[in-house]
Amino acid sequence: MLGLELIVVLGLALLLGEGIGYRLRVAPPVLLLVIGVLLGFVPALREVHLPAEVMLLLFLPALLYWESLNTSLREIRRDLRGIILLSTTLVIATAGTVAVVAHALGLGWGPAWVLGAAVAPTDATAVGVLARTLPRRNVTLLRAESLINDGTALVVYGLAVGITVGEEHFTVPHVTWLFLVSYVGGALAGALVAWVAIRARRVFENPLLGNVAAITTPFAAFLLAELVHASGVLAVVVAGLIISQAAPRMVRAVTRQQGEEFWSLATFVINGSLFVLVGLEAQSAARSLHGSALTDALIAVAAVTAVVVGARFAFLFTVPYLVRLLDRRPQQRLRRVNYRSRVVSAVSGFRGAVSLAVALAVPTVLDSGEPFPDRDTIVFVTSGVIVTTLVVQGLLLPAVVRWARLPPDVSMDDERFLAETTATEEALEALPQIATDLDTDPAVADRMRREYETHLALLRAGTGETDDEDLLRHDRHYTALRLELLTRKRAAVVRLRDQKRIDDTVLRQVQRRLDIEEVRLVRRQSTE
């Protein structure tokens, strides 16, 4: 029964954390993490643990795929050098620095490097939730970094664990080969799966089958990469980025709408549940240590957290200036940001469930049969770093953003206006020829022309390009009236069902059409 109870508890925790977070204006992940720690005091829930395989093989591909589908490829290309440096050089430097500190605190070199690999990567889930209010370029950099750096950390982790248990050896050519296979193999695996998925989506016109193919894609990419010992993380990201460019040309509207609703709900539930489970695991890790071991572990948490944060600040305030000295091209100057923006990026380096999954995946025994050294300490310190970065930096980030006074990002609004006006103008231009080809009644074509002209005028008035307040006021009144009439229509249909004059199936069919119209009007109202 624990599985059923856990589902109910997680659902209630999500509702409570999101509800309180909305009212108190506190980031929900922080509250969900605290709720998870508190739930650890419930005796029945102390048996709950987050299996590393579930996170790395089930949750991670789905979350990375959705994030990559919603990441701007254009922005990634623009800042590719910075993203690569953050997701490789910074991760390796952070892991190495943490290993040195952990070794100084008493851990062997093998466990110290495992700990460094666990806490080095930022978490795409945490970044996507906590940093989504930042300007587009900041969010894209942070998202892209967190999407790729997991692959680097997992290579370092696999090497450190392999050396510790006696399965790997350290030589420069061997390590270079591991990274080469990880990145090149992962990219090729992702590209191959994306190619197959694109053709499969063209074959399956049924929305349900098309979305089944979409759901299978990230797991297939991860699996193929793992089979060739490459980076499953990079394979999923590459597949997602490729499909994000191809999907607008091949996916039908009903399939896309259905898929977006599924992924939005699924990733929301997974993200929230992970924060609660991280809190549970953090408390479980604390219970596994006692006396002087707990004191030493707490000191390690403080030291490692300081190293993780300090390494990120040091990197962001040194490497970009070195790049400026080496690259004096005019386009490089356009990529520069001020020191306040760098502080925001540094504070946004959250750790999350991926770090915990890496720590939990540490084997319990060596090849010799002896216990893996300091495994409990690795799990506890990783949990402590996650909790500290999420809570402290999550609460600090809004104040840092206000201090930074980042300029408002209006590029999205400008580009959306360009897209909508261009699309409407070209449709108006093509309308006479299309109406002729379809042998459309002239009255219908004239009505369509007036509707498109009104829509174009509304777009221009809404952005201030034209001064037509009466048109905007009429549109607001029209939308409000349509919404109220839909409410009356829905009430009438429900009454007919209650009077046994129509069947429940008919009710659902009519209600589905009313819902589509209401959603369209509400979304139109929110964008205006």
Protein backbone atom coordinates (compact mmCIF):
# COMPACT_ATOMS: atom_id res chain seq x y z
CA MET A 1 0.00 0.00 0.00
CA LEU A 2 3.00 2.32 0.39
CA GLY A 3 3.02 3.03 -3.35
CA LEU A 4 -0.59 4.22 -3.30
CA GLU A 5 -0.02 6.23 -0.14
CA LEU A 6 3.06 7.83 -1.68
CA ILE A 7 1.11 8.93 -4.75
CA VAL A 8 -1.49 10.62 -2.53
CA VAL A 9 1.19 12.24 -0.35
CA LEU A 10 3.09 13.57 -3.37
CA GLY A 11 -0.11 14.95 -4.88
CA LEU A 12 -1.04 16.73 -1.65
CA ALA A 13 2.52 18.03 -1.28
CA LEU A 14 2.41 19.47 -4.79
CA LEU A 15 -0.91 21.21 -4.13
CA LEU A 16 0.31 22.57 -0.80
CA GLY A 17 3.72 23.72 -2.03
CA GLU A 18 2.44 25.36 -5.20
CA GLY A 19 -0.50 26.98 -3.41
CA ILE A 20 1.56 28.43 -0.57
CA GLY A 21 4.32 29.47 -2.95
CA TYR A 22 1.84 31.41 -5.07
CA ARG A 23 0.37 33.20 -2.05
CA LEU A 24 3.68 33.97 -0.32
CA ARG A 25 5.56 34.67 -3.58
CA VAL A 26 8.17 32.07 -2.68
CA ALA A 27 9.61 29.73 -5.31
CA PRO A 28 7.58 26.49 -5.03
CA PRO A 29 10.66 24.21 -5.30
CA VAL A 30 11.96 25.65 -2.03
CA LEU A 31 8.69 24.87 -0.25
CA LEU A 32 8.42 21.42 -1.83
CA LEU A 33 11.94 20.64 -0.61
CA VAL A 34 11.03 21.71 2.93
CA ILE A 35 7.83 19.65 2.76
CA GLY A 36 9.90 16.64 1.72
CA VAL A 37 12.23 17.09 4.73
CA LEU A 38 9.22 17.34 7.05
CA LEU A 39 7.63 14.24 5.54
CA GLY A 40 10.79 12.38 6.49
CA PHE A 41 9.63 12.53 10.10
CA VAL A 42 6.66 10.31 9.24
CA PRO A 43 7.78 6.76 10.13
CA ALA A 44 5.96 5.09 7.23
CA LEU A 45 7.63 7.39 4.69
CA ARG A 46 11.14 6.67 5.95
CA GLU A 47 11.10 3.58 3.75
CA VAL A 48 10.70 5.76 0.64
CA HIS A 49 13.84 6.19 -1.45
CA LEU A 50 14.48 7.60 -4.91
CA PRO A 51 16.05 4.78 -6.96
CA ALA A 52 18.92 6.14 -9.01
CA GLU A 53 17.80 4.08 -12.02
CA VAL A 54 14.35 5.70 -11.95
CA MET A 55 15.85 9.19 -12.04
CA LEU A 56 18.61 8.53 -14.57
CA LEU A 57 16.68 6.24 -16.94
CA LEU A 58 13.04 7.32 -16.55
CA PHE A 59 12.71 10.89 -15.29
CA LEU A 60 15.88 12.42 -16.75
CA PRO A 61 15.25 11.58 -20.45
CA ALA A 62 11.70 12.93 -20.28
CA LEU A 63 12.70 16.17 -18.52
CA LEU A 64 15.71 16.81 -20.77
CA TYR A 65 13.66 16.16 -23.90
CA TRP A 66 10.95 18.63 -22.95
CA GLU A 67 13.52 21.25 -21.97
CA SER A 68 15.39 20.82 -25.26
CA LEU A 69 12.15 21.12 -27.25
CA ASN A 70 11.54 24.49 -25.58
CA THR A 71 15.08 25.85 -25.84
CA SER A 72 16.04 28.33 -28.55
CA LEU A 73 18.48 26.74 -30.99
CA ARG A 74 19.27 30.19 -32.41
CA GLU A 75 20.35 31.45 -29.00
CA ILE A 76 22.40 28.29 -28.40
CA ARG A 77 24.27 28.85 -31.68
CA ARG A 78 24.89 32.46 -30.76
CA ASP A 79 26.44 31.62 -27.38
CA LEU A 80 27.73 28.13 -28.22
CA ARG A 81 31.29 28.81 -27.08
CA GLY A 82 30.18 30.04 -23.67
CA ILE A 83 27.78 27.13 -23.26
CA ILE A 84 30.48 24.59 -24.10
CA LEU A 85 32.91 26.20 -21.67
CA LEU A 86 30.31 26.22 -18.88
CA SER A 87 29.15 22.66 -19.48
CA THR A 88 32.62 21.11 -19.81
CA THR A 89 35.46 23.20 -18.40
CA LEU A 90 33.50 24.55 -15.44
CA VAL A 91 32.12 21.10 -14.57
CA ILE A 92 35.55 19.46 -14.64
CA ALA A 93 37.14 22.37 -12.71
CA THR A 94 34.37 22.27 -10.09
CA ALA A 95 34.61 18.50 -9.71
CA GLY A 96 38.40 18.73 -9.32
CA THR A 97 38.25 21.54 -6.77
CA VAL A 98 35.60 19.74 -4.74
CA ALA A 99 37.73 16.57 -4.87
CA VAL A 100 40.75 18.45 -3.47
CA VAL A 101 38.69 19.93 -0.62
CA ALA A 102 36.95 16.63 0.13
CA HIS A 103 40.30 14.83 0.19
CA ALA A 104 41.64 17.44 2.61
CA LEU A 105 38.62 16.71 4.83
CA GLY A 106 39.43 13.00 4.96
CA LEU A 107 37.91 11.31 1.91
CA GLY A 108 40.04 9.13 -0.34
CA TRP A 109 40.79 10.43 -3.82
CA GLY A 110 38.30 8.07 -5.48
CA PRO A 111 35.28 8.96 -3.29
CA ALA A 112 36.34 12.63 -3.39
CA TRP A 113 36.16 12.66 -7.20
CA VAL A 114 32.80 10.84 -7.07
CA LEU A 115 31.49 13.58 -4.78
CA GLY A 116 32.90 16.25 -7.08
CA ALA A 117 31.21 14.71 -10.12
CA ALA A 118 27.90 14.50 -8.23
CA VAL A 119 27.74 18.17 -7.20
CA ALA A 120 29.44 19.71 -10.26
CA PRO A 121 26.52 19.94 -12.75
CA THR A 122 23.69 22.41 -12.45
CA ASP A 123 20.20 20.95 -12.69
CA ALA A 124 17.96 21.62 -15.71
CA THR A 125 14.80 21.07 -13.66
CA ALA A 126 15.75 23.55 -10.94
CA VAL A 127 17.03 26.11 -13.45
CA GLY A 128 13.88 25.84 -15.55
CA VAL A 129 11.62 26.46 -12.55
CA LEU A 130 13.60 28.96 -10.46
CA ALA A 131 15.23 31.06 -13.20
CA ARG A 132 12.37 31.31 -15.70
CA THR A 133 11.68 34.98 -14.84
CA LEU A 134 15.10 36.06 -16.15
CA PRO A 135 15.63 37.61 -19.60
CA ARG A 136 15.59 35.18 -22.50
CA ARG A 137 19.36 35.12 -23.09
CA ASN A 138 20.11 34.38 -19.43
CA VAL A 139 17.53 31.59 -19.32
CA THR A 140 18.79 30.07 -22.59
CA LEU A 141 22.39 30.05 -21.37
CA LEU A 142 21.45 28.48 -18.05
CA ARG A 143 19.16 25.90 -19.66
CA ALA A 144 21.63 24.90 -22.34
CA GLU A 145 24.43 24.64 -19.78
CA SER A 146 22.36 22.44 -17.48
CA LEU A 147 21.21 20.26 -20.38
CA ILE A 148 24.75 19.42 -21.48
CA ASN A 149 26.79 19.47 -18.27
CA ASP A 150 25.08 16.33 -16.96
CA GLY A 151 26.86 14.39 -19.69
CA THR A 152 30.27 15.74 -18.63
CA ALA A 153 29.59 15.00 -14.97
CA LEU A 154 28.46 11.45 -15.71
CA VAL A 155 31.70 10.73 -17.60
CA VAL A 156 33.76 12.02 -14.65
CA TYR A 157 31.54 10.05 -12.26
CA GLY A 158 31.86 6.81 -14.23
CA LEU A 159 35.64 7.17 -14.37
CA ALA A 160 35.93 7.95 -10.64
CA VAL A 161 33.69 5.04 -9.62
CA GLY A 162 35.44 2.68 -12.04
CA ILE A 163 38.87 3.55 -10.65
CA THR A 164 37.65 3.23 -7.06
CA VAL A 165 36.07 -0.20 -7.52
CA GLY A 166 38.98 -1.39 -9.65
CA GLU A 167 37.32 -1.52 -13.08
CA GLU A 168 38.99 1.52 -14.71
CA HIS A 169 42.47 3.01 -14.98
CA PHE A 170 43.53 6.64 -15.39
CA THR A 171 45.63 7.67 -18.37
CA VAL A 172 45.30 10.79 -20.46
CA PRO A 173 44.60 8.92 -23.73
CA HIS A 174 41.99 6.74 -22.00
CA VAL A 175 40.18 9.72 -20.47
CA THR A 176 40.31 11.61 -23.76
CA TRP A 177 38.82 8.60 -25.54
CA LEU A 178 36.00 8.35 -22.96
CA PHE A 179 35.04 12.01 -23.48
CA LEU A 180 35.28 11.68 -27.26
CA VAL A 181 33.03 8.62 -27.32
CA SER A 182 30.63 10.24 -24.88
CA TYR A 183 30.11 13.44 -26.85
CA VAL A 184 30.49 12.31 -30.46
CA GLY A 185 28.64 9.04 -29.88
CA GLY A 186 25.88 10.78 -27.95
CA ALA A 187 25.39 13.41 -30.64
CA LEU A 188 25.30 10.79 -33.41
CA ALA A 189 22.88 8.59 -31.46
CA GLY A 190 20.56 11.56 -30.88
CA ALA A 191 20.70 12.58 -34.54
CA LEU A 192 19.94 9.04 -35.70
CA VAL A 193 16.96 8.63 -33.38
CA ALA A 194 15.67 12.09 -34.38
CA TRP A 195 15.88 11.08 -38.07
CA VAL A 196 13.88 7.91 -37.40
CA ALA A 197 11.38 9.77 -35.20
CA ILE A 198 10.75 12.44 -37.84
CA ARG A 199 9.90 9.78 -40.43
CA ALA A 200 7.75 7.89 -37.95
CA ARG A 201 5.79 11.06 -37.14
CA ARG A 202 5.09 11.53 -40.86
CA VAL A 203 3.75 7.98 -41.11
CA PHE A 204 1.41 8.14 -38.10
CA GLU A 205 -1.29 10.72 -38.81
CA ASN A 206 -3.33 9.57 -35.81
CA PRO A 207 -2.60 12.08 -32.99
CA LEU A 208 -2.38 9.35 -30.36
CA LEU A 209 0.12 7.29 -32.34
CA GLY A 210 2.13 10.40 -33.21
CA ASN A 211 2.44 11.30 -29.55
CA VAL A 212 3.35 7.73 -28.61
CA ALA A 213 6.23 8.07 -31.08
CA ALA A 214 7.16 11.39 -29.45
CA ILE A 215 7.12 9.88 -25.94
CA THR A 216 9.31 6.99 -27.09
CA THR A 217 11.90 9.27 -28.73
CA PRO A 218 13.92 10.45 -25.67
CA PHE A 219 14.10 6.97 -24.19
CA ALA A 220 15.17 5.47 -27.51
CA ALA A 221 17.90 8.11 -27.85
CA PHE A 222 19.11 7.50 -24.29
CA LEU A 223 19.07 3.73 -24.79
CA LEU A 224 20.99 3.80 -28.07
CA ALA A 225 23.66 6.06 -26.58
CA GLU A 226 24.03 3.84 -23.52
CA LEU A 227 24.42 0.76 -25.73
CA VAL A 228 27.50 2.31 -27.37
CA HIS A 229 28.76 3.71 -24.01
CA ALA A 230 28.08 7.30 -25.11
CA SER A 231 26.28 10.14 -23.35
CA GLY A 232 22.56 9.43 -23.12
CA VAL A 233 22.05 12.99 -21.89
CA LEU A 234 23.59 14.52 -25.00
CA ALA A 235 21.70 12.07 -27.23
CA VAL A 236 18.35 13.20 -25.77
CA VAL A 237 19.26 16.89 -26.06
CA VAL A 238 20.42 16.57 -29.69
CA ALA A 239 17.29 14.60 -30.61
CA GLY A 240 15.09 17.21 -28.96
CA LEU A 241 16.80 20.14 -30.67
CA ILE A 242 16.58 18.51 -34.10
CA ILE A 243 12.91 17.62 -33.67
CA SER A 244 12.13 21.13 -32.39
CA GLN A 245 13.25 22.45 -35.79
CA ALA A 246 11.43 19.82 -37.87
CA ALA A 247 8.17 19.53 -35.91
CA PRO A 248 6.56 22.84 -37.01
CA ARG A 249 6.60 21.62 -40.63
CA MET A 250 5.24 18.11 -40.10
CA VAL A 251 3.17 17.88 -36.90
CA ARG A 252 -0.53 18.59 -37.22
CA ALA A 253 -2.22 21.06 -34.89
CA VAL A 254 -4.31 18.48 -33.01
CA THR A 255 -1.24 16.28 -32.42
CA ARG A 256 0.85 19.23 -31.25
CA GLN A 257 -1.88 20.48 -28.92
CA GLN A 258 -2.36 17.04 -27.39
CA GLY A 259 1.38 16.55 -26.98
CA GLU A 260 2.01 19.93 -25.36
CA GLU A 261 -0.75 19.33 -22.82
CA PHE A 262 0.67 15.91 -21.95
CA TRP A 263 4.28 17.06 -21.62
CA SER A 264 3.36 20.17 -19.64
CA LEU A 265 1.39 18.18 -17.06
CA ALA A 266 3.83 15.25 -16.93
CA THR A 267 6.94 17.40 -16.44
CA PHE A 268 5.14 19.58 -13.87
CA VAL A 269 4.26 16.53 -11.77
CA ILE A 270 7.71 14.95 -12.19
CA ASN A 271 9.51 18.18 -11.30
CA GLY A 272 7.44 18.80 -8.18
CA SER A 273 7.66 15.18 -7.05
CA LEU A 274 11.44 15.21 -7.47
CA PHE A 275 11.84 18.19 -5.16
CA VAL A 276 9.75 16.43 -2.50
CA LEU A 277 11.72 13.20 -2.91
CA VAL A 278 15.02 15.08 -2.69
CA GLY A 279 13.86 16.46 0.66
CA LEU A 280 12.99 12.94 1.83
CA GLU A 281 16.37 11.61 0.74
CA ALA A 282 18.19 14.50 2.43
CA GLN A 283 16.62 13.61 5.75
CA SER A 284 17.30 9.92 5.20
CA ALA A 285 20.96 10.70 4.55
CA ALA A 286 21.12 12.71 7.79
CA ARG A 287 19.76 9.76 9.76
CA SER A 288 22.47 7.46 8.39
CA LEU A 289 25.26 9.43 10.14
CA HIS A 290 25.80 9.86 13.87
CA GLY A 291 28.13 11.59 16.30
CA SER A 292 31.43 12.87 14.97
CA ALA A 293 30.65 11.48 11.49
CA LEU A 294 27.59 13.74 11.28
CA THR A 295 29.60 16.74 12.47
CA ASP A 296 32.32 16.08 9.91
CA ALA A 297 29.68 15.66 7.19
CA LEU A 298 28.03 18.98 8.08
CA ILE A 299 31.42 20.70 7.87
CA ALA A 300 31.90 19.04 4.48
CA VAL A 301 28.49 20.30 3.31
CA ALA A 302 29.45 23.88 4.18
CA ALA A 303 32.89 23.57 2.60
CA VAL A 304 31.70 21.88 -0.61
CA THR A 305 28.82 24.35 -1.03
CA ALA A 306 31.26 27.23 -0.69
CA VAL A 307 33.54 25.62 -3.29
CA VAL A 308 30.68 24.97 -5.72
CA VAL A 309 29.41 28.54 -5.49
CA GLY A 310 32.88 30.06 -5.41
CA ALA A 311 34.06 28.09 -8.45
CA ARG A 312 31.10 29.34 -10.46
CA PHE A 313 31.74 32.95 -9.47
CA ALA A 314 35.46 32.61 -10.20
CA PHE A 315 34.82 31.08 -13.61
CA LEU A 316 32.27 33.70 -14.67
CA PHE A 317 34.56 36.55 -13.62
CA THR A 318 37.76 35.22 -15.20
CA VAL A 319 37.18 33.08 -18.30
CA PRO A 320 34.94 35.60 -20.16
CA TYR A 321 37.62 38.28 -19.76
CA LEU A 322 40.27 35.90 -21.09
CA VAL A 323 38.02 35.25 -24.08
CA ARG A 324 37.76 39.02 -24.63
CA LEU A 325 41.55 39.31 -24.71
CA LEU A 326 41.89 36.48 -27.23
CA ASP A 327 38.89 37.26 -29.44
CA ARG A 328 38.69 40.90 -30.54
CA ARG A 329 36.15 40.39 -33.33
CA PRO A 330 33.29 42.93 -33.47
CA GLN A 331 30.63 40.22 -33.12
CA GLN A 332 32.27 39.07 -29.90
CA ARG A 333 31.63 42.50 -28.38
CA LEU A 334 27.92 42.08 -29.03
CA ARG A 335 27.87 39.02 -26.73
CA ARG A 336 29.31 40.85 -23.73
CA VAL A 337 27.24 41.30 -20.57
CA ASN A 338 27.89 43.46 -17.52
CA TYR A 339 29.04 42.22 -14.13
CA ARG A 340 25.54 42.39 -12.66
CA SER A 341 24.26 39.90 -15.20
CA ARG A 342 27.20 37.62 -14.35
CA VAL A 343 26.26 37.73 -10.67
CA VAL A 344 22.71 36.66 -11.58
CA SER A 345 24.06 33.74 -13.62
CA ALA A 346 26.38 32.75 -10.79
CA VAL A 347 23.58 32.72 -8.22
CA SER A 348 21.42 30.66 -10.60
CA GLY A 349 23.71 27.62 -10.41
CA PHE A 350 21.27 25.34 -8.60
CA ARG A 351 21.89 21.66 -7.94
CA GLY A 352 19.04 19.17 -8.01
CA ALA A 353 17.78 15.65 -8.49
CA VAL A 354 20.43 14.64 -11.04
CA SER A 355 23.18 15.22 -8.47
CA LEU A 356 21.29 13.12 -5.93
CA ALA A 357 20.68 10.35 -8.47
CA VAL A 358 24.41 10.24 -9.23
CA ALA A 359 25.23 9.97 -5.52
CA LEU A 360 22.63 7.25 -4.96
CA ALA A 361 23.98 5.29 -7.95
CA VAL A 362 27.33 4.80 -6.19
CA PRO A 363 27.79 1.02 -5.76
CA THR A 364 27.69 -0.37 -2.25
CA VAL A 365 30.72 -2.69 -2.58
CA LEU A 366 34.07 -2.79 -4.36
CA ASP A 367 35.29 -5.61 -6.58
CA SER A 368 37.09 -6.98 -3.53
CA GLY A 369 33.79 -7.29 -1.67
CA GLU A 370 34.58 -4.47 0.76
CA PRO A 371 32.08 -1.63 1.25
CA PHE A 372 32.47 1.39 -1.04
CA PRO A 373 34.39 3.91 1.08
CA ASP A 374 32.47 6.90 2.47
CA ARG A 375 29.32 6.18 0.46
CA ASP A 376 27.01 7.53 3.21
CA THR A 377 29.09 10.68 3.41
CA ILE A 378 28.86 11.19 -0.37
CA VAL A 379 25.07 10.87 -0.30
CA PHE A 380 24.72 13.16 2.74
CA VAL A 381 27.03 15.89 1.43
CA THR A 382 25.38 15.82 -2.00
CA SER A 383 21.95 16.11 -0.37
CA GLY A 384 23.18 18.98 1.78
CA VAL A 385 24.61 20.88 -1.20
CA ILE A 386 21.33 20.42 -3.09
CA VAL A 387 19.25 21.68 -0.17
CA THR A 388 21.58 24.62 0.47
CA THR A 389 21.74 25.81 -3.14
CA LEU A 390 18.00 25.40 -3.72
CA VAL A 391 16.89 27.07 -0.50
CA VAL A 392 19.53 29.77 -0.01
CA GLN A 393 20.11 30.69 -3.66
CA GLY A 394 16.43 30.16 -4.53
CA LEU A 395 15.38 32.67 -1.87
CA LEU A 396 18.26 35.00 -2.73
CA LEU A 397 17.76 35.05 -6.51
CA PRO A 398 14.74 37.46 -6.62
CA ALA A 399 16.66 40.04 -4.57
CA VAL A 400 19.74 39.63 -6.77
CA VAL A 401 17.62 40.09 -9.90
CA ARG A 402 16.15 43.31 -8.48
CA TRP A 403 19.67 44.52 -7.57
CA ALA A 404 20.97 43.68 -11.05
CA ARG A 405 18.34 45.89 -12.72
CA LEU A 406 18.49 43.81 -15.87
CA PRO A 407 16.98 45.66 -18.86
CA PRO A 408 13.49 44.44 -19.80
CA ASP A 409 13.56 41.80 -22.50
CA VAL A 410 11.23 43.05 -25.25
CA SER A 411 12.76 41.00 -28.04
CA MET A 412 10.19 38.23 -27.65
CA ASP A 413 7.32 40.70 -27.96
CA ASP A 414 8.91 42.36 -30.99
CA GLU A 415 9.52 39.03 -32.72
CA ARG A 416 6.01 37.77 -31.94
CA PHE A 417 4.55 40.96 -33.41
CA LEU A 418 6.71 40.50 -36.51
CA ALA A 419 5.62 36.86 -36.88
CA GLU A 420 1.90 37.55 -36.43
CA THR A 421 1.76 40.61 -38.66
CA THR A 422 3.84 39.01 -41.42
CA ALA A 423 1.72 35.84 -41.34
CA THR A 424 -1.52 37.84 -41.46
CA GLU A 425 -0.30 40.14 -44.26
CA GLU A 426 0.83 37.21 -46.41
CA ALA A 427 -2.46 35.41 -45.78
CA LEU A 428 -4.38 38.52 -46.88
CA GLU A 429 -2.22 38.78 -49.97
CA ALA A 430 -2.87 35.14 -50.87
CA LEU A 431 -6.60 35.21 -50.04
CA PRO A 432 -7.94 36.21 -53.51
CA GLN A 433 -5.99 33.49 -55.31
CA ILE A 434 -6.89 30.82 -52.74
CA ALA A 435 -10.55 31.84 -52.86
CA THR A 436 -10.47 31.51 -56.66
CA ASP A 437 -8.78 28.11 -56.52
CA LEU A 438 -11.35 26.81 -54.00
CA ASP A 439 -14.24 28.43 -55.87
CA THR A 440 -15.23 30.18 -52.63
CA ASP A 441 -18.42 32.25 -52.55
CA PRO A 442 -17.46 35.95 -52.92
CA ALA A 443 -19.46 36.86 -49.81
CA VAL A 444 -17.50 34.33 -47.74
CA ALA A 445 -14.17 35.57 -49.13
CA ASP A 446 -15.14 39.18 -48.37
CA ARG A 447 -16.10 38.24 -44.81
CA MET A 448 -12.77 36.47 -44.34
CA ARG A 449 -10.91 39.49 -45.70
CA ARG A 450 -12.64 41.82 -43.21
CA GLU A 451 -11.81 39.47 -40.32
CA TYR A 452 -8.14 39.34 -41.25
CA GLU A 453 -7.97 43.10 -41.72
CA THR A 454 -9.54 43.60 -38.30
CA HIS A 455 -7.07 41.14 -36.77
CA LEU A 456 -4.14 42.97 -38.39
CA ALA A 457 -5.43 46.30 -37.12
CA LEU A 458 -5.73 44.85 -33.61
CA LEU A 459 -2.15 43.60 -33.73
CA ARG A 460 -0.86 47.02 -34.72
CA ALA A 461 -3.00 48.82 -32.18
CA GLY A 462 -1.96 46.42 -29.41
CA THR A 463 1.72 47.26 -29.87
CA GLY A 464 1.20 51.00 -30.17
CA GLU A 465 2.03 51.08 -33.87
CA THR A 466 -1.36 52.71 -34.43
CA ASP A 467 -3.46 54.72 -31.99
CA ASP A 468 -6.88 53.06 -32.11
CA GLU A 469 -8.15 52.73 -28.55
CA ASP A 470 -11.74 52.26 -29.73
CA LEU A 471 -10.76 49.16 -31.69
CA LEU A 472 -8.99 47.66 -28.66
CA ARG A 473 -11.94 48.46 -26.40
CA HIS A 474 -14.38 46.86 -28.82
CA ASP A 475 -12.20 43.75 -28.99
CA ARG A 476 -12.10 43.48 -25.18
CA HIS A 477 -15.87 43.82 -25.02
CA TYR A 478 -16.27 41.25 -27.80
CA THR A 479 -14.06 38.72 -25.98
CA ALA A 480 -15.81 39.27 -22.64
CA LEU A 481 -19.24 38.88 -24.28
CA ARG A 482 -18.22 35.68 -26.10
CA LEU A 483 -16.90 34.18 -22.88
CA GLU A 484 -20.10 34.97 -21.03
CA LEU A 485 -22.22 33.50 -23.81
CA LEU A 486 -20.11 30.34 -23.72
CA THR A 487 -20.88 30.06 -20.01
CA ARG A 488 -24.61 30.22 -20.78
CA LYS A 489 -24.29 27.65 -23.57
CA ARG A 490 -22.40 25.29 -21.27
CA ALA A 491 -25.04 25.67 -18.55
CA ALA A 492 -27.80 24.91 -21.08
CA VAL A 493 -26.09 21.73 -22.27
CA VAL A 494 -25.56 20.52 -18.69
CA ARG A 495 -29.22 21.21 -17.90
CA LEU A 496 -30.31 19.13 -20.89
CA ARG A 497 -28.16 16.26 -19.62
CA ASP A 498 -29.62 16.57 -16.12
CA GLN A 499 -33.13 16.49 -17.62
CA LYS A 500 -32.22 13.23 -19.43
CA ARG A 501 -32.87 14.87 -22.79
CA ILE A 502 -29.32 14.26 -24.05
CA ASP A 503 -26.79 11.55 -23.24
CA ASP A 504 -23.51 12.09 -21.36
CA THR A 505 -21.63 11.27 -24.55
CA VAL A 506 -23.39 14.10 -26.39
CA LEU A 507 -22.62 16.42 -23.47
CA ARG A 508 -18.92 15.64 -23.71
CA GLN A 509 -18.89 16.12 -27.50
CA VAL A 510 -20.54 19.54 -27.30
CA GLN A 511 -18.51 20.54 -24.25
CA ARG A 512 -15.27 19.70 -26.03
CA ARG A 513 -16.10 22.21 -28.79
CA LEU A 514 -17.09 24.85 -26.25
CA ASP A 515 -13.83 24.27 -24.36
CA ILE A 516 -11.75 24.73 -27.50
CA GLU A 517 -13.43 28.06 -28.20
CA GLU A 518 -13.06 29.20 -24.58
CA VAL A 519 -9.37 28.28 -24.45
CA ARG A 520 -8.77 30.22 -27.67
CA LEU A 521 -10.49 33.31 -26.28
CA VAL A 522 -8.76 33.11 -22.89
CA ARG A 523 -5.33 32.74 -24.48
CA ARG A 524 -6.06 35.61 -26.82
CA GLN A 525 -7.14 37.71 -23.85
CA SER A 526 -3.96 36.86 -21.88
CA THR A 527 -1.62 37.76 -24.76
CA GLU A 528 -3.31 41.11 -25.16
